[in-house]
C-alpha atoms as a PDB file:
ATOM      1  CA  UNK A   1     -77.103 -41.764  87.706  1.00  0.00           C
ATOM      2  CA  UNK A   2     -78.542 -38.471  88.933  1.00  0.00           C
ATOM      3  CA  UNK A   3     -81.480 -38.885  91.265  1.00  0.00           C
ATOM      4  CA  UNK A   4     -83.309 -35.960  89.677  1.00  0.00           C
ATOM      5  CA  UNK A   5     -83.579 -36.297  85.902  1.00  0.00           C
ATOM      6  CA  UNK A   6     -86.482 -35.256  83.668  1.00  0.00           C
ATOM      7  CA  UNK A   7     -89.159 -37.911  83.980  1.00  0.00           C
ATOM      8  CA  UNK A   8     -88.187 -39.015  87.500  1.00  0.00           C
ATOM      9  CA  UNK A   9     -91.077 -39.271  89.955  1.00  0.00           C
ATOM     10  CA  UNK A  10     -90.412 -38.701  93.657  1.00  0.00           C
ATOM     11  CA  UNK A  11     -92.960 -40.245  96.024  1.00  0.00           C
ATOM     12  CA  UNK A  12     -93.323 -38.608  99.439  1.00  0.00           C
ATOM     13  CA  UNK A  13     -95.532 -39.014 102.474  1.00  0.00           C
ATOM     14  CA  UNK A  14     -96.389 -35.675 104.080  1.00  0.00           C
ATOM     15  CA  UNK A  15     -98.209 -34.808 107.298  1.00  0.00           C
ATOM     16  CA  UNK A  16     -99.139 -31.386 108.636  1.00  0.00           C
ATOM     17  CA  UNK A  17    -101.395 -30.202 111.419  1.00  0.00           C
ATOM     18  CA  UNK A  18    -104.623 -31.755 110.166  1.00  0.00           C
ATOM     19  CA  UNK A  19    -103.861 -34.145 107.290  1.00  0.00           C
ATOM     20  CA  UNK A  20    -101.540 -36.848 106.006  1.00  0.00           C
ATOM     21  CA  UNK A  21    -101.186 -37.342 102.270  1.00  0.00           C
ATOM     22  CA  UNK A  22     -98.921 -39.030  99.755  1.00  0.00           C
ATOM     23  CA  UNK A  23     -97.603 -36.803  96.961  1.00  0.00           C
ATOM     24  CA  UNK A  24     -95.841 -37.451  93.671  1.00  0.00           C
ATOM     25  CA  UNK A  25     -93.455 -34.939  92.132  1.00  0.00           C
ATOM     26  CA  UNK A  26     -92.469 -35.448  88.511  1.00  0.00           C
ATOM     27  CA  UNK A  27     -89.278 -33.704  87.442  1.00  0.00           C
ATOM     28  CA  UNK A  28     -89.857 -31.833  84.163  1.00  0.00           C
ATOM     29  CA  UNK A  29     -86.725 -29.699  83.708  1.00  0.00           C
ATOM     30  CA  UNK A  30     -83.338 -29.501  85.401  1.00  0.00           C
ATOM     31  CA  UNK A  31     -81.216 -27.474  82.929  1.00  0.00           C
ATOM     32  CA  UNK A  32     -82.080 -23.995  84.177  1.00  0.00           C
ATOM     33  CA  UNK A  33     -83.309 -24.383  87.723  1.00  0.00           C
ATOM     34  CA  UNK A  34     -85.948 -26.986  88.488  1.00  0.00           C
ATOM     35  CA  UNK A  35     -89.466 -27.363  87.088  1.00  0.00           C
ATOM     36  CA  UNK A  36     -91.797 -30.058  88.451  1.00  0.00           C
ATOM     37  CA  UNK A  37     -95.411 -31.103  88.573  1.00  0.00           C
ATOM     38  CA  UNK A  38     -97.135 -32.132  91.795  1.00  0.00           C
ATOM     39  CA  UNK A  39    -100.043 -34.478  92.356  1.00  0.00           C
ATOM     40  CA  UNK A  40    -101.676 -36.530  95.024  1.00  0.00           C
ATOM     41  CA  UNK A  41    -100.584 -40.172  94.802  1.00  0.00           C
ATOM     42  CA  UNK A  42    -101.988 -41.822  91.644  1.00  0.00           C
ATOM     43  CA  UNK A  43    -103.793 -38.586  90.797  1.00  0.00           C
ATOM     44  CA  UNK A  44    -103.596 -36.171  87.898  1.00  0.00           C
ATOM     45  CA  UNK A  45    -101.010 -33.367  88.103  1.00  0.00           C
ATOM     46  CA  UNK A  46    -102.551 -30.372  89.846  1.00  0.00           C
ATOM     47  CA  UNK A  47     -99.789 -27.794  89.567  1.00  0.00           C
ATOM     48  CA  UNK A  48     -96.539 -27.045  87.763  1.00  0.00           C
ATOM     49  CA  UNK A  49     -94.001 -24.924  89.637  1.00  0.00           C
ATOM     50  CA  UNK A  50     -90.462 -23.725  88.983  1.00  0.00           C
ATOM     51  CA  UNK A  51     -87.496 -22.949  91.220  1.00  0.00           C
ATOM     52  CA  UNK A  52     -84.498 -20.850  90.189  1.00  0.00           C
ATOM     53  CA  UNK A  53     -80.852 -21.855  90.286  1.00  0.00           C
ATOM     54  CA  UNK A  54     -80.369 -19.096  92.816  1.00  0.00           C
ATOM     55  CA  UNK A  55     -82.859 -20.551  95.271  1.00  0.00           C
ATOM     56  CA  UNK A  56     -81.542 -24.095  94.727  1.00  0.00           C
ATOM     57  CA  UNK A  57     -78.096 -22.769  95.628  1.00  0.00           C
ATOM     58  CA  UNK A  58     -78.735 -20.413  98.517  1.00  0.00           C
ATOM     59  CA  UNK A  59     -82.319 -20.448  99.834  1.00  0.00           C
ATOM     60  CA  UNK A  60     -83.065 -21.495 103.411  1.00  0.00           C
ATOM     61  CA  UNK A  61     -86.855 -21.500 103.023  1.00  0.00           C
ATOM     62  CA  UNK A  62     -89.095 -24.194 101.566  1.00  0.00           C
ATOM     63  CA  UNK A  63     -92.332 -23.555  99.725  1.00  0.00           C
ATOM     64  CA  UNK A  64     -95.393 -24.845 101.552  1.00  0.00           C
ATOM     65  CA  UNK A  65     -97.582 -27.467  99.871  1.00  0.00           C
ATOM     66  CA  UNK A  66    -100.980 -27.744 101.536  1.00  0.00           C
ATOM     67  CA  UNK A  67    -103.806 -29.887 100.115  1.00  0.00           C
ATOM     68  CA  UNK A  68    -102.355 -29.692  96.629  1.00  0.00           C
ATOM     69  CA  UNK A  69    -101.803 -25.921  96.600  1.00  0.00           C
ATOM     70  CA  UNK A  70     -98.385 -24.233  96.621  1.00  0.00           C
ATOM     71  CA  UNK A  71     -97.640 -21.205  98.781  1.00  0.00           C
ATOM     72  CA  UNK A  72     -94.422 -19.242  98.844  1.00  0.00           C
ATOM     73  CA  UNK A  73     -92.939 -18.864 102.318  1.00  0.00           C
ATOM     74  CA  UNK A  74     -90.509 -16.209 101.084  1.00  0.00           C
ATOM     75  CA  UNK A  75     -92.694 -14.211  98.686  1.00  0.00           C
ATOM     76  CA  UNK A  76     -96.133 -12.671  99.142  1.00  0.00           C
ATOM     77  CA  UNK A  77     -97.284 -14.716  96.168  1.00  0.00           C
ATOM     78  CA  UNK A  78     -95.714 -16.755  93.368  1.00  0.00           C
ATOM     79  CA  UNK A  79     -94.918 -15.107  90.061  1.00  0.00           C
ATOM     80  CA  UNK A  80     -95.668 -16.624  86.654  1.00  0.00           C
ATOM     81  CA  UNK A  81     -93.914 -17.189  83.373  1.00  0.00           C
ATOM     82  CA  UNK A  82     -95.230 -18.783  80.174  1.00  0.00           C
ATOM     83  CA  UNK A  83     -94.908 -22.291  81.611  1.00  0.00           C
ATOM     84  CA  UNK A  84     -95.647 -22.301  85.341  1.00  0.00           C
ATOM     85  CA  UNK A  85     -95.827 -20.580  88.658  1.00  0.00           C
ATOM     86  CA  UNK A  86     -92.418 -19.441  89.888  1.00  0.00           C
ATOM     87  CA  UNK A  87     -91.261 -19.934  93.483  1.00  0.00           C
ATOM     88  CA  UNK A  88     -87.852 -18.396  92.865  1.00  0.00           C
ATOM     89  CA  UNK A  89     -87.123 -17.462  96.483  1.00  0.00           C
ATOM     90  CA  UNK A  90     -88.001 -20.894  97.877  1.00  0.00           C
ATOM     91  CA  UNK A  91     -86.820 -24.493  97.782  1.00  0.00           C
ATOM     92  CA  UNK A  92     -89.067 -27.454  97.077  1.00  0.00           C
ATOM     93  CA  UNK A  93     -89.794 -29.228 100.375  1.00  0.00           C
ATOM     94  CA  UNK A  94     -87.730 -32.268  99.353  1.00  0.00           C
ATOM     95  CA  UNK A  95     -84.425 -30.405  98.977  1.00  0.00           C
ATOM     96  CA  UNK A  96     -81.906 -28.509 101.039  1.00  0.00           C
ATOM     97  CA  UNK A  97     -79.969 -25.822  99.185  1.00  0.00           C
ATOM     98  CA  UNK A  98     -76.457 -26.652  98.008  1.00  0.00           C
ATOM     99  CA  UNK A  99     -75.056 -24.025 100.377  1.00  0.00           C
ATOM    100  CA  UNK A 100     -76.875 -25.638 103.293  1.00  0.00           C
ATOM    101  CA  UNK A 101     -75.376 -29.011 102.408  1.00  0.00           C
ATOM    102  CA  UNK A 102     -71.836 -27.568 102.232  1.00  0.00           C
ATOM    103  CA  UNK A 103     -72.328 -25.868 105.601  1.00  0.00           C
ATOM    104  CA  UNK A 104     -73.796 -29.002 107.115  1.00  0.00           C
ATOM    105  CA  UNK A 105     -70.788 -31.029 106.009  1.00  0.00           C
ATOM    106  CA  UNK A 106     -68.692 -28.573 108.034  1.00  0.00           C
ATOM    107  CA  UNK A 107     -70.896 -29.041 111.086  1.00  0.00           C
ATOM    108  CA  UNK A 108     -73.858 -26.639 111.058  1.00  0.00           C
ATOM    109  CA  UNK A 109     -76.214 -24.611 108.866  1.00  0.00           C
ATOM    110  CA  UNK A 110     -79.363 -22.508 109.227  1.00  0.00           C
ATOM    111  CA  UNK A 111     -82.846 -23.482 108.114  1.00  0.00           C
ATOM    112  CA  UNK A 112     -86.265 -21.822 108.384  1.00  0.00           C
ATOM    113  CA  UNK A 113     -88.909 -24.161 109.871  1.00  0.00           C
ATOM    114  CA  UNK A 114     -91.673 -25.048 107.422  1.00  0.00           C
ATOM    115  CA  UNK A 115     -94.504 -23.432 109.383  1.00  0.00           C
ATOM    116  CA  UNK A 116     -92.543 -20.585 110.944  1.00  0.00           C
ATOM    117  CA  UNK A 117     -94.318 -17.245 111.362  1.00  0.00           C
ATOM    118  CA  UNK A 118     -93.963 -14.750 108.488  1.00  0.00           C
ATOM    119  CA  UNK A 119     -90.710 -12.860 108.721  1.00  0.00           C
ATOM    120  CA  UNK A 120     -89.041 -15.496 110.888  1.00  0.00           C
ATOM    121  CA  UNK A 121     -85.306 -15.920 110.537  1.00  0.00           C
ATOM    122  CA  UNK A 122     -83.632 -19.273 109.737  1.00  0.00           C
ATOM    123  CA  UNK A 123     -82.704 -21.263 112.830  1.00  0.00           C
ATOM    124  CA  UNK A 124     -79.520 -23.263 113.621  1.00  0.00           C
ATOM    125  CA  UNK A 125     -79.273 -26.862 112.432  1.00  0.00           C
ATOM    126  CA  UNK A 126     -76.341 -28.963 113.667  1.00  0.00           C
ATOM    127  CA  UNK A 127     -74.824 -32.081 112.161  1.00  0.00           C
ATOM    128  CA  UNK A 128     -75.539 -35.081 114.392  1.00  0.00           C
ATOM    129  CA  UNK A 129     -74.127 -38.022 112.431  1.00  0.00           C
ATOM    130  CA  UNK A 130     -73.389 -39.509 109.031  1.00  0.00           C
ATOM    131  CA  UNK A 131     -75.399 -42.611 108.215  1.00  0.00           C
ATOM    132  CA  UNK A 132     -76.198 -45.005 105.384  1.00  0.00           C
ATOM    133  CA  UNK A 133     -79.805 -44.892 104.193  1.00  0.00           C
ATOM    134  CA  UNK A 134     -81.652 -47.237 101.873  1.00  0.00           C
ATOM    135  CA  UNK A 135     -83.963 -45.792  99.220  1.00  0.00           C
ATOM    136  CA  UNK A 136     -86.215 -47.703  96.852  1.00  0.00           C
ATOM    137  CA  UNK A 137     -85.326 -46.655  93.321  1.00  0.00           C
ATOM    138  CA  UNK A 138     -87.201 -48.220  90.430  1.00  0.00           C
ATOM    139  CA  UNK A 139     -88.414 -50.919  92.861  1.00  0.00           C
ATOM    140  CA  UNK A 140     -84.865 -51.812  93.884  1.00  0.00           C
ATOM    141  CA  UNK A 141     -83.275 -50.788  97.237  1.00  0.00           C
ATOM    142  CA  UNK A 142     -80.115 -48.685  96.895  1.00  0.00           C
ATOM    143  CA  UNK A 143     -77.803 -47.386  99.624  1.00  0.00           C
ATOM    144  CA  UNK A 144     -76.691 -43.733  99.951  1.00  0.00           C
ATOM    145  CA  UNK A 145     -74.660 -41.713 102.404  1.00  0.00           C
ATOM    146  CA  UNK A 146     -76.786 -39.214 104.313  1.00  0.00           C
ATOM    147  CA  UNK A 147     -76.333 -36.487 106.904  1.00  0.00           C
ATOM    148  CA  UNK A 148     -78.579 -36.301 109.969  1.00  0.00           C
ATOM    149  CA  UNK A 149     -79.007 -32.858 111.519  1.00  0.00           C
ATOM    150  CA  UNK A 150     -80.996 -31.485 114.436  1.00  0.00           C
ATOM    151  CA  UNK A 151     -82.275 -28.100 115.516  1.00  0.00           C
ATOM    152  CA  UNK A 152     -84.930 -26.732 117.854  1.00  0.00           C
ATOM    153  CA  UNK A 153     -87.855 -29.047 117.078  1.00  0.00           C
ATOM    154  CA  UNK A 154     -86.458 -29.978 113.652  1.00  0.00           C
ATOM    155  CA  UNK A 155     -84.626 -33.091 112.464  1.00  0.00           C
ATOM    156  CA  UNK A 156     -83.520 -33.539 108.859  1.00  0.00           C
ATOM    157  CA  UNK A 157     -81.942 -36.496 107.062  1.00  0.00           C
ATOM    158  CA  UNK A 158     -80.516 -35.498 103.680  1.00  0.00           C
ATOM    159  CA  UNK A 159     -78.575 -37.376 101.011  1.00  0.00           C
ATOM    160  CA  UNK A 160     -74.987 -36.118 100.759  1.00  0.00           C
ATOM    161  CA  UNK A 161     -75.199 -35.136  97.075  1.00  0.00           C
ATOM    162  CA  UNK A 162     -73.785 -31.789  95.962  1.00  0.00           C
ATOM    163  CA  UNK A 163     -76.049 -31.551  92.913  1.00  0.00           C
ATOM    164  CA  UNK A 164     -79.347 -32.543  94.554  1.00  0.00           C
ATOM    165  CA  UNK A 165     -79.313 -32.651  98.395  1.00  0.00           C
ATOM    166  CA  UNK A 166     -82.467 -34.767  98.577  1.00  0.00           C
ATOM    167  CA  UNK A 167     -84.357 -34.883 101.856  1.00  0.00           C
ATOM    168  CA  UNK A 168     -85.001 -38.433 103.028  1.00  0.00           C
ATOM    169  CA  UNK A 169     -86.942 -37.275 106.074  1.00  0.00           C
ATOM    170  CA  UNK A 170     -87.766 -33.915 107.621  1.00  0.00           C
ATOM    171  CA  UNK A 171     -89.607 -33.921 110.965  1.00  0.00           C
ATOM    172  CA  UNK A 172     -90.947 -30.862 112.760  1.00  0.00           C
ATOM    173  CA  UNK A 173     -93.077 -32.064 115.688  1.00  0.00           C
ATOM    174  CA  UNK A 174     -96.171 -33.740 114.224  1.00  0.00           C
ATOM    175  CA  UNK A 175     -95.329 -32.452 110.753  1.00  0.00           C
ATOM    176  CA  UNK A 176     -93.043 -34.395 108.456  1.00  0.00           C
ATOM    177  CA  UNK A 177     -91.889 -35.171 104.912  1.00  0.00           C
ATOM    178  CA  UNK A 178     -90.736 -38.763 104.283  1.00  0.00           C
ATOM    179  CA  UNK A 179     -89.318 -40.156 101.010  1.00  0.00           C
ATOM    180  CA  UNK A 180     -91.077 -43.360  99.918  1.00  0.00           C
ATOM    181  CA  UNK A 181     -89.246 -44.011  96.660  1.00  0.00           C
ATOM    182  CA  UNK A 182     -88.106 -42.742  93.274  1.00  0.00           C
ATOM    183  CA  UNK A 183     -89.156 -44.018  89.847  1.00  0.00           C
ATOM    184  CA  UNK A 184     -87.300 -43.069  86.674  1.00  0.00           C
ATOM    185  CA  UNK A 185     -89.157 -42.906  83.390  1.00  0.00           C
ATOM    186  CA  UNK A 186     -89.555 -40.872  80.251  1.00  0.00           C
ATOM    187  CA  UNK A 187     -91.653 -37.732  80.230  1.00  0.00           C
ATOM    188  CA  UNK A 188     -95.078 -38.467  78.842  1.00  0.00           C
ATOM    189  CA  UNK A 189     -95.256 -42.008  80.198  1.00  0.00           C
ATOM    190  CA  UNK A 190     -98.667 -42.717  81.640  1.00  0.00           C
ATOM    191  CA  UNK A 191    -101.326 -45.370  82.051  1.00  0.00           C
ATOM    192  CA  UNK A 192    -103.720 -43.670  79.620  1.00  0.00           C
ATOM    193  CA  UNK A 193    -101.289 -42.959  76.775  1.00  0.00           C
ATOM    194  CA  UNK A 194    -102.690 -45.771  74.628  1.00  0.00           C
ATOM    195  CA  UNK A 195    -106.230 -44.383  75.032  1.00  0.00           C
ATOM    196  CA  UNK A 196    -105.103 -41.173  73.331  1.00  0.00           C
ATOM    197  CA  UNK A 197    -103.253 -42.764  70.426  1.00  0.00           C
ATOM    198  CA  UNK A 198    -106.110 -41.954  68.044  1.00  0.00           C
ATOM    199  CA  UNK A 199    -106.303 -38.310  69.157  1.00  0.00           C
ATOM    200  CA  UNK A 200    -103.617 -36.087  67.653  1.00  0.00           C
ATOM    201  CA  UNK A 201    -102.299 -33.389  69.987  1.00  0.00           C
ATOM    202  CA  UNK A 202    -103.979 -30.041  69.283  1.00  0.00           C
ATOM    203  CA  UNK A 203    -102.001 -27.677  67.069  1.00  0.00           C
ATOM    204  CA  UNK A 204    -102.931 -24.319  65.537  1.00  0.00           C
ATOM    205  CA  UNK A 205    -105.070 -24.591  62.402  1.00  0.00           C
ATOM    206  CA  UNK A 206    -103.295 -21.510  61.066  1.00  0.00           C
ATOM    207  CA  UNK A 207    -101.601 -18.351  62.268  1.00  0.00           C
ATOM    208  CA  UNK A 208    -103.182 -17.028  65.452  1.00  0.00           C
ATOM    209  CA  UNK A 209    -103.651 -13.288  65.987  1.00  0.00           C
ATOM    210  CA  UNK A 210    -104.596 -11.366  69.129  1.00  0.00           C
ATOM    211  CA  UNK A 211    -108.200 -10.201  69.159  1.00  0.00           C
ATOM    212  CA  UNK A 212    -107.781  -7.356  71.604  1.00  0.00           C
ATOM    213  CA  UNK A 213    -110.554  -6.653  74.110  1.00  0.00           C
ATOM    214  CA  UNK A 214    -113.570  -8.828  73.384  1.00  0.00           C
ATOM    215  CA  UNK A 215    -116.914  -9.173  75.181  1.00  0.00           C
ATOM    216  CA  UNK A 216    -119.027 -12.291  75.652  1.00  0.00           C
ATOM    217  CA  UNK A 217    -121.338 -11.774  72.650  1.00  0.00           C
ATOM    218  CA  UNK A 218    -118.434 -11.057  70.311  1.00  0.00           C
ATOM    219  CA  UNK A 219    -116.613 -14.102  71.640  1.00  0.00           C
ATOM    220  CA  UNK A 220    -119.617 -16.360  70.970  1.00  0.00           C
ATOM    221  CA  UNK A 221    -119.945 -14.961  67.450  1.00  0.00           C
ATOM    222  CA  UNK A 222    -116.235 -15.546  66.863  1.00  0.00           C
ATOM    223  CA  UNK A 223    -116.546 -19.157  68.043  1.00  0.00           C
ATOM    224  CA  UNK A 224    -119.449 -19.747  65.675  1.00  0.00           C
ATOM    225  CA  UNK A 225    -117.627 -18.176  62.722  1.00  0.00           C
ATOM    226  CA  UNK A 226    -114.487 -20.259  63.324  1.00  0.00           C
ATOM    227  CA  UNK A 227    -116.407 -23.515  63.762  1.00  0.00           C
ATOM    228  CA  UNK A 228    -115.561 -24.263  67.377  1.00  0.00           C
ATOM    229  CA  UNK A 229    -116.411 -27.889  68.159  1.00  0.00           C
ATOM    230  CA  UNK A 230    -114.548 -28.720  71.373  1.00  0.00           C
ATOM    231  CA  UNK A 231    -112.447 -27.509  74.255  1.00  0.00           C
ATOM    232  CA  UNK A 232    -108.942 -28.432  75.381  1.00  0.00           C
ATOM    233  CA  UNK A 233    -107.876 -27.145  78.812  1.00  0.00           C
ATOM    234  CA  UNK A 234    -104.389 -27.677  80.180  1.00  0.00           C
ATOM    235  CA  UNK A 235    -104.887 -28.191  83.911  1.00  0.00           C
ATOM    236  CA  UNK A 236    -101.119 -28.337  84.410  1.00  0.00           C
ATOM    237  CA  UNK A 237    -100.761 -24.766  83.248  1.00  0.00           C
ATOM    238  CA  UNK A 238    -103.121 -22.022  82.216  1.00  0.00           C
ATOM    239  CA  UNK A 239    -103.890 -22.605  78.533  1.00  0.00           C
ATOM    240  CA  UNK A 240    -107.450 -22.746  77.224  1.00  0.00           C
ATOM    241  CA  UNK A 241    -107.935 -23.779  73.591  1.00  0.00           C
ATOM    242  CA  UNK A 242    -111.073 -24.077  71.455  1.00  0.00           C
ATOM    243  CA  UNK A 243    -110.792 -26.669  68.696  1.00  0.00           C
ATOM    244  CA  UNK A 244    -112.514 -27.282  65.394  1.00  0.00           C
ATOM    245  CA  UNK A 245    -113.946 -30.640  64.328  1.00  0.00           C
ATOM    246  CA  UNK A 246    -110.457 -31.882  63.389  1.00  0.00           C
ATOM    247  CA  UNK A 247    -109.053 -30.938  66.814  1.00  0.00           C
ATOM    248  CA  UNK A 248    -107.147 -28.013  65.344  1.00  0.00           C
ATOM    249  CA  UNK A 249    -106.798 -24.980  67.616  1.00  0.00           C
ATOM    250  CA  UNK A 250    -108.772 -22.017  66.317  1.00  0.00           C
ATOM    251  CA  UNK A 251    -108.859 -19.943  69.528  1.00  0.00           C
ATOM    252  CA  UNK A 252    -106.216 -19.964  72.223  1.00  0.00           C
ATOM    253  CA  UNK A 253    -106.054 -18.013  75.456  1.00  0.00           C
ATOM    254  CA  UNK A 254    -104.609 -17.930  78.912  1.00  0.00           C
ATOM    255  CA  UNK A 255    -107.303 -18.464  81.513  1.00  0.00           C
ATOM    256  CA  UNK A 256    -108.137 -18.226  85.174  1.00  0.00           C
ATOM    257  CA  UNK A 257    -111.023 -19.761  87.112  1.00  0.00           C
ATOM    258  CA  UNK A 258    -113.509 -17.410  88.775  1.00  0.00           C
ATOM    259  CA  UNK A 259    -115.550 -19.140  91.490  1.00  0.00           C
ATOM    260  CA  UNK A 260    -118.920 -17.761  92.554  1.00  0.00           C
ATOM    261  CA  UNK A 261    -120.225 -19.957  95.390  1.00  0.00           C
ATOM    262  CA  UNK A 262    -123.901 -19.657  96.337  1.00  0.00           C
ATOM    263  CA  UNK A 263    -124.646 -22.280  98.999  1.00  0.00           C
ATOM    264  CA  UNK A 264    -128.257 -22.085 100.150  1.00  0.00           C
ATOM    265  CA  UNK A 265    -128.919 -18.999  98.053  1.00  0.00           C
ATOM    266  CA  UNK A 266    -126.229 -17.023  99.870  1.00  0.00           C
ATOM    267  CA  UNK A 267    -123.805 -15.256  97.584  1.00  0.00           C
ATOM    268  CA  UNK A 268    -120.125 -15.711  98.330  1.00  0.00           C
ATOM    269  CA  UNK A 269    -117.130 -14.644  96.293  1.00  0.00           C
ATOM    270  CA  UNK A 270    -113.794 -16.430  96.161  1.00  0.00           C
ATOM    271  CA  UNK A 271    -110.520 -15.439  94.587  1.00  0.00           C
ATOM    272  CA  UNK A 272    -109.591 -15.937  90.954  1.00  0.00           C
ATOM    273  CA  UNK A 273    -107.663 -19.198  90.595  1.00  0.00           C
ATOM    274  CA  UNK A 274    -104.967 -19.901  88.019  1.00  0.00           C
ATOM    275  CA  UNK A 275    -106.459 -23.337  87.356  1.00  0.00           C
ATOM    276  CA  UNK A 276    -109.170 -25.604  88.645  1.00  0.00           C
ATOM    277  CA  UNK A 277    -108.013 -27.461  91.745  1.00  0.00           C
ATOM    278  CA  UNK A 278    -110.888 -28.932  93.778  1.00  0.00           C
ATOM    279  CA  UNK A 279    -109.136 -28.412  97.088  1.00  0.00           C
ATOM    280  CA  UNK A 280    -108.782 -24.721  96.341  1.00  0.00           C
ATOM    281  CA  UNK A 281    -112.418 -24.413  95.404  1.00  0.00           C
ATOM    282  CA  UNK A 282    -113.588 -26.183  98.574  1.00  0.00           C
ATOM    283  CA  UNK A 283    -111.194 -24.344 100.843  1.00  0.00           C
ATOM    284  CA  UNK A 284    -112.094 -21.441 103.146  1.00  0.00           C
ATOM    285  CA  UNK A 285    -112.608 -18.041 101.632  1.00  0.00           C
ATOM    286  CA  UNK A 286    -109.852 -15.469 102.052  1.00  0.00           C
ATOM    287  CA  UNK A 287    -110.111 -12.567 104.467  1.00  0.00           C
ATOM    288  CA  UNK A 288    -110.609  -9.941 101.763  1.00  0.00           C
ATOM    289  CA  UNK A 289    -113.665 -11.674 100.255  1.00  0.00           C
ATOM    290  CA  UNK A 290    -117.042  -9.964 100.747  1.00  0.00           C
ATOM    291  CA  UNK A 291    -119.426 -10.816 103.556  1.00  0.00           C
ATOM    292  CA  UNK A 292    -122.253 -13.271 102.918  1.00  0.00           C
ATOM    293  CA  UNK A 293    -125.364 -11.790 101.333  1.00  0.00           C
ATOM    294  CA  UNK A 294    -128.516 -13.093  99.590  1.00  0.00           C
ATOM    295  CA  UNK A 295    -128.099 -13.349  95.863  1.00  0.00           C
ATOM    296  CA  UNK A 296    -129.382 -14.648  92.543  1.00  0.00           C
ATOM    297  CA  UNK A 297    -127.550 -16.172  89.614  1.00  0.00           C
ATOM    298  CA  UNK A 298    -127.588 -12.732  87.999  1.00  0.00           C
ATOM    299  CA  UNK A 299    -125.930 -11.314  91.096  1.00  0.00           C
ATOM    300  CA  UNK A 300    -123.388 -14.112  90.922  1.00  0.00           C
ATOM    301  CA  UNK A 301    -122.578 -13.247  87.314  1.00  0.00           C
ATOM    302  CA  UNK A 302    -122.077  -9.616  88.286  1.00  0.00           C
ATOM    303  CA  UNK A 303    -119.588 -10.647  90.959  1.00  0.00           C
ATOM    304  CA  UNK A 304    -117.815 -12.952  88.492  1.00  0.00           C
ATOM    305  CA  UNK A 305    -117.502 -10.094  86.008  1.00  0.00           C
ATOM    306  CA  UNK A 306    -115.918  -7.855  88.648  1.00  0.00           C
ATOM    307  CA  UNK A 307    -113.469 -10.585  89.622  1.00  0.00           C
ATOM    308  CA  UNK A 308    -112.591 -11.259  86.002  1.00  0.00           C
ATOM    309  CA  UNK A 309    -111.984  -7.547  85.433  1.00  0.00           C
ATOM    310  CA  UNK A 310    -109.669  -7.543  88.453  1.00  0.00           C
ATOM    311  CA  UNK A 311    -107.809 -10.474  86.875  1.00  0.00           C
ATOM    312  CA  UNK A 312    -107.449  -8.598  83.595  1.00  0.00           C
ATOM    313  CA  UNK A 313    -109.806 -10.912  81.697  1.00  0.00           C
ATOM    314  CA  UNK A 314    -111.285 -10.065  78.290  1.00  0.00           C
ATOM    315  CA  UNK A 315    -114.326 -12.321  78.476  1.00  0.00           C
ATOM    316  CA  UNK A 316    -116.086 -14.755  80.798  1.00  0.00           C
ATOM    317  CA  UNK A 317    -116.886 -18.253  79.551  1.00  0.00           C
ATOM    318  CA  UNK A 318    -119.590 -19.796  81.805  1.00  0.00           C
ATOM    319  CA  UNK A 319    -119.217 -23.354  83.099  1.00  0.00           C
ATOM    320  CA  UNK A 320    -122.527 -25.151  82.691  1.00  0.00           C
ATOM    321  CA  UNK A 321    -121.623 -27.726  85.353  1.00  0.00           C
ATOM    322  CA  UNK A 322    -121.317 -25.395  88.325  1.00  0.00           C
ATOM    323  CA  UNK A 323    -121.049 -21.854  89.682  1.00  0.00           C
ATOM    324  CA  UNK A 324    -117.731 -21.188  87.978  1.00  0.00           C
ATOM    325  CA  UNK A 325    -116.600 -19.025  85.111  1.00  0.00           C
ATOM    326  CA  UNK A 326    -113.521 -19.332  82.963  1.00  0.00           C
ATOM    327  CA  UNK A 327    -112.001 -15.885  82.645  1.00  0.00           C
ATOM    328  CA  UNK A 328    -110.099 -15.598  79.379  1.00  0.00           C
ATOM    329  CA  UNK A 329    -107.394 -13.061  78.686  1.00  0.00           C
ATOM    330  CA  UNK A 330    -104.734 -12.633  76.029  1.00  0.00           C
ATOM    331  CA  UNK A 331    -107.244 -14.192  73.606  1.00  0.00           C
ATOM    332  CA  UNK A 332    -105.783 -15.209  70.243  1.00  0.00           C
ATOM    333  CA  UNK A 333    -107.922 -16.379  67.305  1.00  0.00           C
ATOM    334  CA  UNK A 334    -107.253 -17.831  63.862  1.00  0.00           C
ATOM    335  CA  UNK A 335    -106.322 -14.953  61.596  1.00  0.00           C
ATOM    336  CA  UNK A 336    -108.560 -14.181  58.647  1.00  0.00           C
END
């Protein structure tokens, strides 16, 4: 049985410079590359990311996962397709590439440390020994052959599997990844599935057509005309849907979150986010954000509009619960 099949959940403990967390990675696709969702242990999925067959075969760099957010170590920023963010130059942190495994079997390979400086080259990693490791799979211990390798400040234990060289443990000083177990299930399994049995999944009420550029007033009028009664937001991706009373989709759009933070009446601007992730919202502002300045809610809206325009948004949908705006773009509405 392959360790990585759609529906499998990998449970890892991770520590970096200032935090230790448990993560769960659910495997979504393995046919063309690898697509997975990530979440804190027992939490809701916070991101969906994809890795190409090329990177799974040859990459020597892992993507960085910090407080729920993915960063590419090989690219300036991830790209996107219709389903997820793409980290096509990186490996997930729980894998070595297949080339690295083949080289390690022969005695040595090269690997870029997780927190190496930008532009750093991969460093030597030498085979130390072959060992038997025990992994908890579906609550039952199973034994696998693994390779243990060492480099300058790095030690990696990886399962000797040509298809999926799964990292059992990767230690770099105080930073580490450690496999806790693997659970196999069917996609869609979840504790709350029964609660949603009486709610049909949203589907288009009819053919959807692009609206073109649309401002806030026109968007509100469109919602009223189409009988919008509810919202469905896919926090695993970037899809925002407005539903009618029968939960049929009448407006659909890609979206991004625009955060306008105003602590103590001081206006601050953050980046546009692809989805709402609390740790992103609460994180430090980036270096290219404006300096602090006094501001009103009207000023905050003006900043949000500028950010949405930078993101290519057609309209801003205000969030009544906080200083956030949902920037819609590629808006599609039920055709007349």
